[in-house]
Amino acid sequence: MDKDRGAALRAVEFHILISLAAGERHGYGIILDIQERGETAVPDVGTMYRALARMVEHRLIESAARRPAPDAGDERRNYYRITDTGLRLARAEAQRMMTLMRAARLSGLLAKETR
């Protein structure tokens, strides 16, 4: 994972950063958030937790020192939050994807935007 040079994120990593940009969540909460956004390719639990561990190692996210709310479900759950590095990378990835979408529209692969 070479996040310092602006390499594209894996889909699961981008989903995690999108979810955590809205607030702290535990792994299963991230999966539920992805489902609620209508994503059809929701990562399985194993993929999610391997990605979370990798992203903590690369300091894109970090474990939250405390639970966002004392009554926030199972006490065994680890909550995660996005780091400044993760937020910068998520914004860069979103911009990269918007550029690709514009190119796809210009080439006729996607319908043009209507306003």
PDB file of N, CA and C in Angstrom:
ATOM      1  N   MET A   1       0.857  -1.171   0.000  1.00  0.00           N
ATOM      2  CA  MET A   1       0.000   0.000   0.000  1.00  0.00           C
ATOM      3  C   MET A   1       0.901   1.230   0.000  1.00  0.00           C
ATOM      4  N   ASP A   2       0.889   1.943  -1.077  1.00  0.00           N
ATOM      5  CA  ASP A   2       1.706   3.142  -1.170  1.00  0.00           C
ATOM      6  C   ASP A   2       0.793   4.354  -1.210  1.00  0.00           C
ATOM      7  N   LYS A   3       0.353   4.784  -0.047  1.00  0.00           N
ATOM      8  CA  LYS A   3      -0.614   5.885   0.022  1.00  0.00           C
ATOM      9  C   LYS A   3       0.052   7.248  -0.077  1.00  0.00           C
ATOM     10  N   ASP A   4       1.373   7.303   0.060  1.00  0.00           N
ATOM     11  CA  ASP A   4       2.050   8.595  -0.001  1.00  0.00           C
ATOM     12  C   ASP A   4       2.161   9.123  -1.421  1.00  0.00           C
ATOM     13  N   ARG A   5       2.096   8.234  -2.395  1.00  0.00           N
ATOM     14  CA  ARG A   5       2.246   8.681  -3.784  1.00  0.00           C
ATOM     15  C   ARG A   5       0.917   8.822  -4.499  1.00  0.00           C
ATOM     16  N   GLY A   6      -0.180   8.730  -3.780  1.00  0.00           N
ATOM     17  CA  GLY A   6      -1.481   8.942  -4.382  1.00  0.00           C
ATOM     18  C   GLY A   6      -2.002   7.761  -5.171  1.00  0.00           C
ATOM     19  N   ALA A   7      -1.541   6.561  -4.853  1.00  0.00           N
ATOM     20  CA  ALA A   7      -2.035   5.373  -5.533  1.00  0.00           C
ATOM     21  C   ALA A   7      -3.518   5.198  -5.215  1.00  0.00           C
ATOM     22  N   ALA A   8      -4.268   4.613  -6.136  1.00  0.00           N
ATOM     23  CA  ALA A   8      -5.692   4.386  -5.941  1.00  0.00           C
ATOM     24  C   ALA A   8      -5.916   3.482  -4.741  1.00  0.00           C
ATOM     25  N   LEU A   9      -6.982   3.769  -4.023  1.00  0.00           N
ATOM     26  CA  LEU A   9      -7.373   2.945  -2.882  1.00  0.00           C
ATOM     27  C   LEU A   9      -8.145   1.729  -3.365  1.00  0.00           C
ATOM     28  N   ARG A  10      -8.099   0.676  -2.583  1.00  0.00           N
ATOM     29  CA  ARG A  10      -8.997  -0.452  -2.832  1.00  0.00           C
ATOM     30  C   ARG A  10     -10.403   0.017  -2.491  1.00  0.00           C
ATOM     31  N   ALA A  11     -11.392  -0.594  -3.127  1.00  0.00           N
ATOM     32  CA  ALA A  11     -12.782  -0.176  -2.900  1.00  0.00           C
ATOM     33  C   ALA A  11     -13.147  -0.260  -1.423  1.00  0.00           C
ATOM     34  N   VAL A  12     -12.761  -1.335  -0.753  1.00  0.00           N
ATOM     35  CA  VAL A  12     -13.117  -1.476   0.661  1.00  0.00           C
ATOM     36  C   VAL A  12     -12.482  -0.366   1.492  1.00  0.00           C
ATOM     37  N   GLU A  13     -11.274   0.030   1.149  1.00  0.00           N
ATOM     38  CA  GLU A  13     -10.610   1.097   1.900  1.00  0.00           C
ATOM     39  C   GLU A  13     -11.328   2.436   1.692  1.00  0.00           C
ATOM     40  N   PHE A  14     -11.737   2.701   0.482  1.00  0.00           N
ATOM     41  CA  PHE A  14     -12.441   3.956   0.211  1.00  0.00           C
ATOM     42  C   PHE A  14     -13.791   3.967   0.930  1.00  0.00           C
ATOM     43  N   HIS A  15     -14.486   2.838   0.918  1.00  0.00           N
ATOM     44  CA  HIS A  15     -15.755   2.750   1.655  1.00  0.00           C
ATOM     45  C   HIS A  15     -15.546   3.024   3.141  1.00  0.00           C
ATOM     46  N   ILE A  16     -14.498   2.470   3.699  1.00  0.00           N
ATOM     47  CA  ILE A  16     -14.214   2.672   5.126  1.00  0.00           C
ATOM     48  C   ILE A  16     -13.948   4.149   5.395  1.00  0.00           C
ATOM     49  N   LEU A  17     -13.146   4.788   4.563  1.00  0.00           N
ATOM     50  CA  LEU A  17     -12.845   6.207   4.774  1.00  0.00           C
ATOM     51  C   LEU A  17     -14.102   7.066   4.617  1.00  0.00           C
ATOM     52  N   ILE A  18     -14.942   6.746   3.645  1.00  0.00           N
ATOM     53  CA  ILE A  18     -16.202   7.486   3.472  1.00  0.00           C
ATOM     54  C   ILE A  18     -17.058   7.349   4.731  1.00  0.00           C
ATOM     55  N   SER A  19     -17.164   6.144   5.222  1.00  0.00           N
ATOM     56  CA  SER A  19     -17.989   5.894   6.407  1.00  0.00           C
ATOM     57  C   SER A  19     -17.443   6.628   7.630  1.00  0.00           C
ATOM     58  N   LEU A  20     -16.141   6.554   7.830  1.00  0.00           N
ATOM     59  CA  LEU A  20     -15.546   7.178   9.011  1.00  0.00           C
ATOM     60  C   LEU A  20     -15.454   8.700   8.890  1.00  0.00           C
ATOM     61  N   ALA A  21     -15.538   9.236   7.682  1.00  0.00           N
ATOM     62  CA  ALA A  21     -15.559  10.699   7.526  1.00  0.00           C
ATOM     63  C   ALA A  21     -16.818  11.281   8.172  1.00  0.00           C
ATOM     64  N   ALA A  22     -17.860  10.465   8.276  1.00  0.00           N
ATOM     65  CA  ALA A  22     -19.113  10.925   8.887  1.00  0.00           C
ATOM     66  C   ALA A  22     -19.116  10.742  10.399  1.00  0.00           C
ATOM     67  N   GLY A  23     -18.137  10.020  10.941  1.00  0.00           N
ATOM     68  CA  GLY A  23     -18.078   9.826  12.386  1.00  0.00           C
ATOM     69  C   GLY A  23     -17.496   8.478  12.748  1.00  0.00           C
ATOM     70  N   GLU A  24     -17.202   8.313  14.020  1.00  0.00           N
ATOM     71  CA  GLU A  24     -16.600   7.062  14.498  1.00  0.00           C
ATOM     72  C   GLU A  24     -17.603   5.918  14.372  1.00  0.00           C
ATOM     73  N   ARG A  25     -17.085   4.756  14.003  1.00  0.00           N
ATOM     74  CA  ARG A  25     -17.924   3.557  13.867  1.00  0.00           C
ATOM     75  C   ARG A  25     -17.086   2.330  14.178  1.00  0.00           C
ATOM     76  N   HIS A  26     -17.755   1.249  14.509  1.00  0.00           N
ATOM     77  CA  HIS A  26     -17.095  -0.050  14.636  1.00  0.00           C
ATOM     78  C   HIS A  26     -17.204  -0.763  13.297  1.00  0.00           C
ATOM     79  N   GLY A  27     -16.464  -1.858  13.132  1.00  0.00           N
ATOM     80  CA  GLY A  27     -16.405  -2.551  11.851  1.00  0.00           C
ATOM     81  C   GLY A  27     -17.757  -2.943  11.298  1.00  0.00           C
ATOM     82  N   TYR A  28     -18.584  -3.551  12.148  1.00  0.00           N
ATOM     83  CA  TYR A  28     -19.903  -3.958  11.659  1.00  0.00           C
ATOM     84  C   TYR A  28     -20.749  -2.726  11.313  1.00  0.00           C
ATOM     85  N   GLY A  29     -20.596  -1.648  12.055  1.00  0.00           N
ATOM     86  CA  GLY A  29     -21.303  -0.403  11.746  1.00  0.00           C
ATOM     87  C   GLY A  29     -20.897   0.144  10.384  1.00  0.00           C
ATOM     88  N   ILE A  30     -19.634  -0.039  10.031  1.00  0.00           N
ATOM     89  CA  ILE A  30     -19.172   0.397   8.704  1.00  0.00           C
ATOM     90  C   ILE A  30     -19.852  -0.446   7.626  1.00  0.00           C
ATOM     91  N   ILE A  31     -19.934  -1.760   7.847  1.00  0.00           N
ATOM     92  CA  ILE A  31     -20.615  -2.631   6.876  1.00  0.00           C
ATOM     93  C   ILE A  31     -22.073  -2.189   6.705  1.00  0.00           C
ATOM     94  N   LEU A  32     -22.762  -1.919   7.818  1.00  0.00           N
ATOM     95  CA  LEU A  32     -24.157  -1.475   7.739  1.00  0.00           C
ATOM     96  C   LEU A  32     -24.263  -0.145   6.995  1.00  0.00           C
ATOM     97  N   ASP A  33     -23.326   0.770   7.237  1.00  0.00           N
ATOM     98  CA  ASP A  33     -23.333   2.054   6.544  1.00  0.00           C
ATOM     99  C   ASP A  33     -23.169   1.863   5.038  1.00  0.00           C
ATOM    100  N   ILE A  34     -22.283   0.956   4.651  1.00  0.00           N
ATOM    101  CA  ILE A  34     -22.075   0.680   3.228  1.00  0.00           C
ATOM    102  C   ILE A  34     -23.362   0.135   2.610  1.00  0.00           C
ATOM    103  N   GLN A  35     -24.021  -0.770   3.313  1.00  0.00           N
ATOM    104  CA  GLN A  35     -25.290  -1.333   2.818  1.00  0.00           C
ATOM    105  C   GLN A  35     -26.347  -0.241   2.679  1.00  0.00           C
ATOM    106  N   GLU A  36     -26.427   0.644   3.671  1.00  0.00           N
ATOM    107  CA  GLU A  36     -27.438   1.702   3.657  1.00  0.00           C
ATOM    108  C   GLU A  36     -27.213   2.689   2.521  1.00  0.00           C
ATOM    109  N   ARG A  37     -25.974   2.819   2.070  1.00  0.00           N
ATOM    110  CA  ARG A  37     -25.692   3.699   0.928  1.00  0.00           C
ATOM    111  C   ARG A  37     -26.031   3.041  -0.394  1.00  0.00           C
ATOM    112  N   GLY A  38     -26.515   1.801  -0.352  1.00  0.00           N
ATOM    113  CA  GLY A  38     -26.965   1.129  -1.564  1.00  0.00           C
ATOM    114  C   GLY A  38     -25.885   0.403  -2.320  1.00  0.00           C
ATOM    115  N   GLU A  39     -24.722   0.243  -1.716  1.00  0.00           N
ATOM    116  CA  GLU A  39     -23.642  -0.476  -2.386  1.00  0.00           C
ATOM    117  C   GLU A  39     -24.013  -1.953  -2.490  1.00  0.00           C
ATOM    118  N   THR A  40     -23.854  -2.517  -3.662  1.00  0.00           N
ATOM    119  CA  THR A  40     -24.200  -3.924  -3.859  1.00  0.00           C
ATOM    120  C   THR A  40     -23.044  -4.860  -3.520  1.00  0.00           C
ATOM    121  N   ALA A  41     -21.819  -4.389  -3.619  1.00  0.00           N
ATOM    122  CA  ALA A  41     -20.647  -5.221  -3.311  1.00  0.00           C
ATOM    123  C   ALA A  41     -20.164  -4.894  -1.894  1.00  0.00           C
ATOM    124  N   VAL A  42     -20.921  -5.324  -0.904  1.00  0.00           N
ATOM    125  CA  VAL A  42     -20.578  -5.058   0.496  1.00  0.00           C
ATOM    126  C   VAL A  42     -19.500  -6.053   0.915  1.00  0.00           C
ATOM    127  N   PRO A  43     -18.401  -5.551   1.528  1.00  0.00           N
ATOM    128  CA  PRO A  43     -17.325  -6.467   1.930  1.00  0.00           C
ATOM    129  C   PRO A  43     -17.785  -7.409   3.040  1.00  0.00           C
ATOM    130  N   ASP A  44     -17.241  -8.638   3.009  1.00  0.00           N
ATOM    131  CA  ASP A  44     -17.561  -9.563   4.090  1.00  0.00           C
ATOM    132  C   ASP A  44     -16.771  -9.169   5.336  1.00  0.00           C
ATOM    133  N   VAL A  45     -17.115  -9.780   6.443  1.00  0.00           N
ATOM    134  CA  VAL A  45     -16.513  -9.405   7.730  1.00  0.00           C
ATOM    135  C   VAL A  45     -15.000  -9.590   7.718  1.00  0.00           C
ATOM    136  N   GLY A  46     -14.510 -10.695   7.178  1.00  0.00           N
ATOM    137  CA  GLY A  46     -13.068 -10.950   7.135  1.00  0.00           C
ATOM    138  C   GLY A  46     -12.330  -9.891   6.337  1.00  0.00           C
ATOM    139  N   THR A  47     -12.875  -9.545   5.180  1.00  0.00           N
ATOM    140  CA  THR A  47     -12.269  -8.510   4.340  1.00  0.00           C
ATOM    141  C   THR A  47     -12.266  -7.179   5.077  1.00  0.00           C
ATOM    142  N   MET A  48     -13.368  -6.881   5.760  1.00  0.00           N
ATOM    143  CA  MET A  48     -13.474  -5.616   6.493  1.00  0.00           C
ATOM    144  C   MET A  48     -12.404  -5.525   7.574  1.00  0.00           C
ATOM    145  N   TYR A  49     -12.262  -6.561   8.380  1.00  0.00           N
ATOM    146  CA  TYR A  49     -11.331  -6.471   9.496  1.00  0.00           C
ATOM    147  C   TYR A  49      -9.866  -6.529   9.039  1.00  0.00           C
ATOM    148  N   ARG A  50      -9.574  -7.231   7.950  1.00  0.00           N
ATOM    149  CA  ARG A  50      -8.208  -7.188   7.410  1.00  0.00           C
ATOM    150  C   ARG A  50      -7.896  -5.772   6.897  1.00  0.00           C
ATOM    151  N   ALA A  51      -8.867  -5.155   6.237  1.00  0.00           N
ATOM    152  CA  ALA A  51      -8.665  -3.783   5.733  1.00  0.00           C
ATOM    153  C   ALA A  51      -8.494  -2.804   6.894  1.00  0.00           C
ATOM    154  N   LEU A  52      -9.299  -2.956   7.938  1.00  0.00           N
ATOM    155  CA  LEU A  52      -9.179  -2.062   9.099  1.00  0.00           C
ATOM    156  C   LEU A  52      -7.783  -2.174   9.713  1.00  0.00           C
ATOM    157  N   ALA A  53      -7.291  -3.407   9.883  1.00  0.00           N
ATOM    158  CA  ALA A  53      -5.952  -3.600  10.475  1.00  0.00           C
ATOM    159  C   ALA A  53      -4.878  -2.970   9.599  1.00  0.00           C
ATOM    160  N   ARG A  54      -4.997  -3.158   8.277  1.00  0.00           N
ATOM    161  CA  ARG A  54      -4.025  -2.597   7.344  1.00  0.00           C
ATOM    162  C   ARG A  54      -4.063  -1.063   7.385  1.00  0.00           C
ATOM    163  N   MET A  55      -5.252  -0.512   7.468  1.00  0.00           N
ATOM    164  CA  MET A  55      -5.392   0.947   7.464  1.00  0.00           C
ATOM    165  C   MET A  55      -4.919   1.567   8.780  1.00  0.00           C
ATOM    166  N   VAL A  56      -5.079   0.860   9.887  1.00  0.00           N
ATOM    167  CA  VAL A  56      -4.514   1.330  11.165  1.00  0.00           C
ATOM    168  C   VAL A  56      -2.999   1.319  11.059  1.00  0.00           C
ATOM    169  N   GLU A  57      -2.446   0.238  10.501  1.00  0.00           N
ATOM    170  CA  GLU A  57      -0.992   0.133  10.335  1.00  0.00           C
ATOM    171  C   GLU A  57      -0.444   1.290   9.503  1.00  0.00           C
ATOM    172  N   HIS A  58      -1.181   1.703   8.492  1.00  0.00           N
ATOM    173  CA  HIS A  58      -0.742   2.787   7.606  1.00  0.00           C
ATOM    174  C   HIS A  58      -1.233   4.158   8.073  1.00  0.00           C
ATOM    175  N   ARG A  59      -1.821   4.194   9.247  1.00  0.00           N
ATOM    176  CA  ARG A  59      -2.256   5.432   9.914  1.00  0.00           C
ATOM    177  C   ARG A  59      -3.295   6.232   9.117  1.00  0.00           C
ATOM    178  N   LEU A  60      -4.122   5.514   8.379  1.00  0.00           N
ATOM    179  CA  LEU A  60      -5.228   6.172   7.684  1.00  0.00           C
ATOM    180  C   LEU A  60      -6.428   6.290   8.607  1.00  0.00           C
ATOM    181  N   ILE A  61      -6.514   5.368   9.548  1.00  0.00           N
ATOM    182  CA  ILE A  61      -7.537   5.384  10.587  1.00  0.00           C
ATOM    183  C   ILE A  61      -6.856   5.009  11.890  1.00  0.00           C
ATOM    184  N   GLU A  62      -7.557   5.223  12.998  1.00  0.00           N
ATOM    185  CA  GLU A  62      -7.019   4.819  14.297  1.00  0.00           C
ATOM    186  C   GLU A  62      -8.161   4.348  15.171  1.00  0.00           C
ATOM    187  N   SER A  63      -7.821   3.537  16.162  1.00  0.00           N
ATOM    188  CA  SER A  63      -8.824   3.094  17.113  1.00  0.00           C
ATOM    189  C   SER A  63      -9.200   4.281  17.986  1.00  0.00           C
ATOM    190  N   ALA A  64     -10.484   4.392  18.251  1.00  0.00           N
ATOM    191  CA  ALA A  64     -10.943   5.459  19.131  1.00  0.00           C
ATOM    192  C   ALA A  64     -10.624   5.058  20.566  1.00  0.00           C
ATOM    193  N   ALA A  65     -10.088   5.984  21.334  1.00  0.00           N
ATOM    194  CA  ALA A  65      -9.715   5.684  22.709  1.00  0.00           C
ATOM    195  C   ALA A  65     -10.942   5.445  23.580  1.00  0.00           C
ATOM    196  N   ARG A  66     -12.041   6.051  23.239  1.00  0.00           N
ATOM    197  CA  ARG A  66     -13.265   5.854  24.021  1.00  0.00           C
ATOM    198  C   ARG A  66     -14.434   5.647  23.078  1.00  0.00           C
ATOM    199  N   ARG A  67     -15.481   5.095  23.603  1.00  0.00           N
ATOM    200  CA  ARG A  67     -16.682   4.839  22.815  1.00  0.00           C
ATOM    201  C   ARG A  67     -17.403   6.164  22.571  1.00  0.00           C
ATOM    202  N   PRO A  68     -18.001   6.346  21.398  1.00  0.00           N
ATOM    203  CA  PRO A  68     -18.691   7.600  21.106  1.00  0.00           C
ATOM    204  C   PRO A  68     -19.866   7.857  22.047  1.00  0.00           C
ATOM    205  N   ALA A  69     -20.487   6.793  22.537  1.00  0.00           N
ATOM    206  CA  ALA A  69     -21.587   6.928  23.505  1.00  0.00           C
ATOM    207  C   ALA A  69     -21.490   5.729  24.448  1.00  0.00           C
ATOM    208  N   PRO A  70     -21.642   5.936  25.742  1.00  0.00           N
ATOM    209  CA  PRO A  70     -21.498   4.822  26.693  1.00  0.00           C
ATOM    210  C   PRO A  70     -22.447   3.661  26.406  1.00  0.00           C
ATOM    211  N   ASP A  71     -23.604   3.944  25.861  1.00  0.00           N
ATOM    212  CA  ASP A  71     -24.579   2.884  25.586  1.00  0.00           C
ATOM    213  C   ASP A  71     -24.568   2.485  24.111  1.00  0.00           C
ATOM    214  N   ALA A  72     -23.423   2.600  23.471  1.00  0.00           N
ATOM    215  CA  ALA A  72     -23.309   2.340  22.025  1.00  0.00           C
ATOM    216  C   ALA A  72     -23.089   0.860  21.716  1.00  0.00           C
ATOM    217  N   GLY A  73     -23.943   0.020  22.229  1.00  0.00           N
ATOM    218  CA  GLY A  73     -23.904  -1.392  21.849  1.00  0.00           C
ATOM    219  C   GLY A  73     -22.866  -2.193  22.596  1.00  0.00           C
ATOM    220  N   ASP A  74     -22.447  -3.289  21.985  1.00  0.00           N
ATOM    221  CA  ASP A  74     -21.529  -4.258  22.568  1.00  0.00           C
ATOM    222  C   ASP A  74     -20.216  -3.591  23.003  1.00  0.00           C
ATOM    223  N   GLU A  75     -19.852  -3.772  24.257  1.00  0.00           N
ATOM    224  CA  GLU A  75     -18.642  -3.137  24.789  1.00  0.00           C
ATOM    225  C   GLU A  75     -17.364  -3.709  24.188  1.00  0.00           C
ATOM    226  N   ARG A  76     -17.451  -4.893  23.568  1.00  0.00           N
ATOM    227  CA  ARG A  76     -16.252  -5.503  22.981  1.00  0.00           C
ATOM    228  C   ARG A  76     -15.877  -4.885  21.640  1.00  0.00           C
ATOM    229  N   ARG A  77     -16.756  -4.111  21.079  1.00  0.00           N
ATOM    230  CA  ARG A  77     -16.493  -3.537  19.758  1.00  0.00           C
ATOM    231  C   ARG A  77     -15.424  -2.455  19.822  1.00  0.00           C
ATOM    232  N   ASN A  78     -14.548  -2.480  18.822  1.00  0.00           N
ATOM    233  CA  ASN A  78     -13.549  -1.422  18.669  1.00  0.00           C
ATOM    234  C   ASN A  78     -14.103  -0.381  17.708  1.00  0.00           C
ATOM    235  N   TYR A  79     -14.013   0.846  18.126  1.00  0.00           N
ATOM    236  CA  TYR A  79     -14.449   1.951  17.269  1.00  0.00           C
ATOM    237  C   TYR A  79     -13.229   2.556  16.588  1.00  0.00           C
ATOM    238  N   TYR A  80     -13.458   3.032  15.383  1.00  0.00           N
ATOM    239  CA  TYR A  80     -12.374   3.615  14.584  1.00  0.00           C
ATOM    240  C   TYR A  80     -12.761   5.022  14.170  1.00  0.00           C
ATOM    241  N   ARG A  81     -11.744   5.832  13.924  1.00  0.00           N
ATOM    242  CA  ARG A  81     -11.967   7.168  13.381  1.00  0.00           C
ATOM    243  C   ARG A  81     -10.913   7.441  12.309  1.00  0.00           C
ATOM    244  N   ILE A  82     -11.248   8.341  11.419  1.00  0.00           N
ATOM    245  CA  ILE A  82     -10.356   8.683  10.316  1.00  0.00           C
ATOM    246  C   ILE A  82      -9.277   9.640  10.835  1.00  0.00           C
ATOM    247  N   THR A  83      -8.059   9.504  10.349  1.00  0.00           N
ATOM    248  CA  THR A  83      -6.973  10.417  10.717  1.00  0.00           C
ATOM    249  C   THR A  83      -6.908  11.545   9.680  1.00  0.00           C
ATOM    250  N   ASP A  84      -6.110  12.550   9.963  1.00  0.00           N
ATOM    251  CA  ASP A  84      -5.926  13.633   8.987  1.00  0.00           C
ATOM    252  C   ASP A  84      -5.360  13.085   7.675  1.00  0.00           C
ATOM    253  N   THR A  85      -4.435  12.142   7.778  1.00  0.00           N
ATOM    254  CA  THR A  85      -3.866  11.511   6.573  1.00  0.00           C
ATOM    255  C   THR A  85      -4.957  10.772   5.800  1.00  0.00           C
ATOM    256  N   GLY A  86      -5.796  10.038   6.507  1.00  0.00           N
ATOM    257  CA  GLY A  86      -6.890   9.316   5.857  1.00  0.00           C
ATOM    258  C   GLY A  86      -7.873  10.262   5.190  1.00  0.00           C
ATOM    259  N   LEU A  87      -8.162  11.383   5.848  1.00  0.00           N
ATOM    260  CA  LEU A  87      -9.097  12.354   5.275  1.00  0.00           C
ATOM    261  C   LEU A  87      -8.514  12.976   4.008  1.00  0.00           C
ATOM    262  N   ARG A  88      -7.229  13.324   4.049  1.00  0.00           N
ATOM    263  CA  ARG A  88      -6.590  13.885   2.835  1.00  0.00           C
ATOM    264  C   ARG A  88      -6.618  12.868   1.703  1.00  0.00           C
ATOM    265  N   LEU A  89      -6.317  11.625   2.010  1.00  0.00           N
ATOM    266  CA  LEU A  89      -6.307  10.579   0.991  1.00  0.00           C
ATOM    267  C   LEU A  89      -7.714  10.336   0.436  1.00  0.00           C
ATOM    268  N   ALA A  90      -8.728  10.341   1.304  1.00  0.00           N
ATOM    269  CA  ALA A  90     -10.110  10.144   0.842  1.00  0.00           C
ATOM    270  C   ALA A  90     -10.531  11.275  -0.090  1.00  0.00           C
ATOM    271  N   ARG A  91     -10.168  12.496   0.258  1.00  0.00           N
ATOM    272  CA  ARG A  91     -10.514  13.627  -0.618  1.00  0.00           C
ATOM    273  C   ARG A  91      -9.805  13.518  -1.970  1.00  0.00           C
ATOM    274  N   ALA A  92      -8.539  13.129  -1.938  1.00  0.00           N
ATOM    275  CA  ALA A  92      -7.790  12.964  -3.194  1.00  0.00           C
ATOM    276  C   ALA A  92      -8.411  11.842  -4.039  1.00  0.00           C
ATOM    277  N   GLU A  93      -8.821  10.764  -3.398  1.00  0.00           N
ATOM    278  CA  GLU A  93      -9.440   9.646  -4.127  1.00  0.00           C
ATOM    279  C   GLU A  93     -10.780  10.074  -4.726  1.00  0.00           C
ATOM    280  N   ALA A  94     -11.575  10.834  -3.955  1.00  0.00           N
ATOM    281  CA  ALA A  94     -12.859  11.311  -4.475  1.00  0.00           C
ATOM    282  C   ALA A  94     -12.639  12.210  -5.695  1.00  0.00           C
ATOM    283  N   GLN A  95     -11.632  13.068  -5.618  1.00  0.00           N
ATOM    284  CA  GLN A  95     -11.329  13.946  -6.750  1.00  0.00           C
ATOM    285  C   GLN A  95     -10.882  13.126  -7.961  1.00  0.00           C
ATOM    286  N   ARG A  96     -10.040  12.114  -7.715  1.00  0.00           N
ATOM    287  CA  ARG A  96      -9.561  11.251  -8.806  1.00  0.00           C
ATOM    288  C   ARG A  96     -10.748  10.557  -9.474  1.00  0.00           C
ATOM    289  N   MET A  97     -11.695  10.083  -8.665  1.00  0.00           N
ATOM    290  CA  MET A  97     -12.850   9.377  -9.223  1.00  0.00           C
ATOM    291  C   MET A  97     -13.762  10.333  -9.995  1.00  0.00           C
ATOM    292  N   MET A  98     -13.906  11.580  -9.504  1.00  0.00           N
ATOM    293  CA  MET A  98     -14.719  12.561 -10.239  1.00  0.00           C
ATOM    294  C   MET A  98     -14.107  12.846 -11.601  1.00  0.00           C
ATOM    295  N   THR A  99     -12.795  12.933 -11.652  1.00  0.00           N
ATOM    296  CA  THR A  99     -12.107  13.159 -12.928  1.00  0.00           C
ATOM    297  C   THR A  99     -12.371  11.994 -13.874  1.00  0.00           C
ATOM    298  N   LEU A 100     -12.319  10.773 -13.362  1.00  0.00           N
ATOM    299  CA  LEU A 100     -12.605   9.596 -14.195  1.00  0.00           C
ATOM    300  C   LEU A 100     -14.056   9.605 -14.672  1.00  0.00           C
ATOM    301  N   MET A 101     -14.993  10.024 -13.797  1.00  0.00           N
ATOM    302  CA  MET A 101     -16.407  10.062 -14.180  1.00  0.00           C
ATOM    303  C   MET A 101     -16.624  11.082 -15.303  1.00  0.00           C
ATOM    304  N   ARG A 102     -15.957  12.245 -15.192  1.00  0.00           N
ATOM    305  CA  ARG A 102     -16.077  13.251 -16.266  1.00  0.00           C
ATOM    306  C   ARG A 102     -15.565  12.677 -17.583  1.00  0.00           C
ATOM    307  N   ALA A 103     -14.449  11.977 -17.523  1.00  0.00           N
ATOM    308  CA  ALA A 103     -13.898  11.382 -18.746  1.00  0.00           C
ATOM    309  C   ALA A 103     -14.851  10.335 -19.308  1.00  0.00           C
ATOM    310  N   ALA A 104     -15.466   9.552 -18.435  1.00  0.00           N
ATOM    311  CA  ALA A 104     -16.419   8.530 -18.893  1.00  0.00           C
ATOM    312  C   ALA A 104     -17.633   9.185 -19.554  1.00  0.00           C
ATOM    313  N   ARG A 105     -18.088  10.318 -19.013  1.00  0.00           N
ATOM    314  CA  ARG A 105     -19.226  11.028 -19.612  1.00  0.00           C
ATOM    315  C   ARG A 105     -18.839  11.597 -20.978  1.00  0.00           C
ATOM    316  N   LEU A 106     -17.665  12.186 -21.042  1.00  0.00           N
ATOM    317  CA  LEU A 106     -17.218  12.767 -22.311  1.00  0.00           C
ATOM    318  C   LEU A 106     -17.054  11.704 -23.388  1.00  0.00           C
ATOM    319  N   SER A 107     -16.693  10.509 -22.996  1.00  0.00           N
ATOM    320  CA  SER A 107     -16.497   9.440 -23.980  1.00  0.00           C
ATOM    321  C   SER A 107     -17.791   8.741 -24.351  1.00  0.00           C
ATOM    322  N   GLY A 108     -18.889   9.083 -23.663  1.00  0.00           N
ATOM    323  CA  GLY A 108     -20.173   8.465 -23.964  1.00  0.00           C
ATOM    324  C   GLY A 108     -20.454   7.201 -23.176  1.00  0.00           C
ATOM    325  N   LEU A 109     -19.564   6.827 -22.267  1.00  0.00           N
ATOM    326  CA  LEU A 109     -19.810   5.633 -21.459  1.00  0.00           C
ATOM    327  C   LEU A 109     -20.922   5.851 -20.447  1.00  0.00           C
ATOM    328  N   LEU A 110     -21.089   7.092 -20.007  1.00  0.00           N
ATOM    329  CA  LEU A 110     -22.131   7.442 -19.046  1.00  0.00           C
ATOM    330  C   LEU A 110     -22.981   8.552 -19.640  1.00  0.00           C
ATOM    331  N   ALA A 111     -24.234   8.617 -19.195  1.00  0.00           N
ATOM    332  CA  ALA A 111     -25.105   9.695 -19.636  1.00  0.00           C
ATOM    333  C   ALA A 111     -24.574  11.020 -19.109  1.00  0.00           C
ATOM    334  N   LYS A 112     -24.804  12.070 -19.874  1.00  0.00           N
ATOM    335  CA  LYS A 112     -24.376  13.391 -19.427  1.00  0.00           C
ATOM    336  C   LYS A 112     -25.252  13.834 -18.273  1.00  0.00           C
ATOM    337  N   GLU A 113     -24.664  14.645 -17.396  1.00  0.00           N
ATOM    338  CA  GLU A 113     -25.405  15.165 -16.249  1.00  0.00           C
ATOM    339  C   GLU A 113     -26.482  16.125 -16.731  1.00  0.00           C
ATOM    340  N   THR A 114     -27.630  16.057 -16.080  1.00  0.00           N
ATOM    341  CA  THR A 114     -28.693  17.018 -16.362  1.00  0.00           C
ATOM    342  C   THR A 114     -28.884  17.877 -15.123  1.00  0.00           C
ATOM    343  N   ARG A 115     -29.184  19.103 -15.331  1.00  0.00           N
ATOM    344  CA  ARG A 115     -29.352  20.015 -14.183  1.00  0.00           C
ATOM    345  C   ARG A 115     -30.742  20.513 -14.093  1.00  0.00           C
TER     346      ARG A 115
END
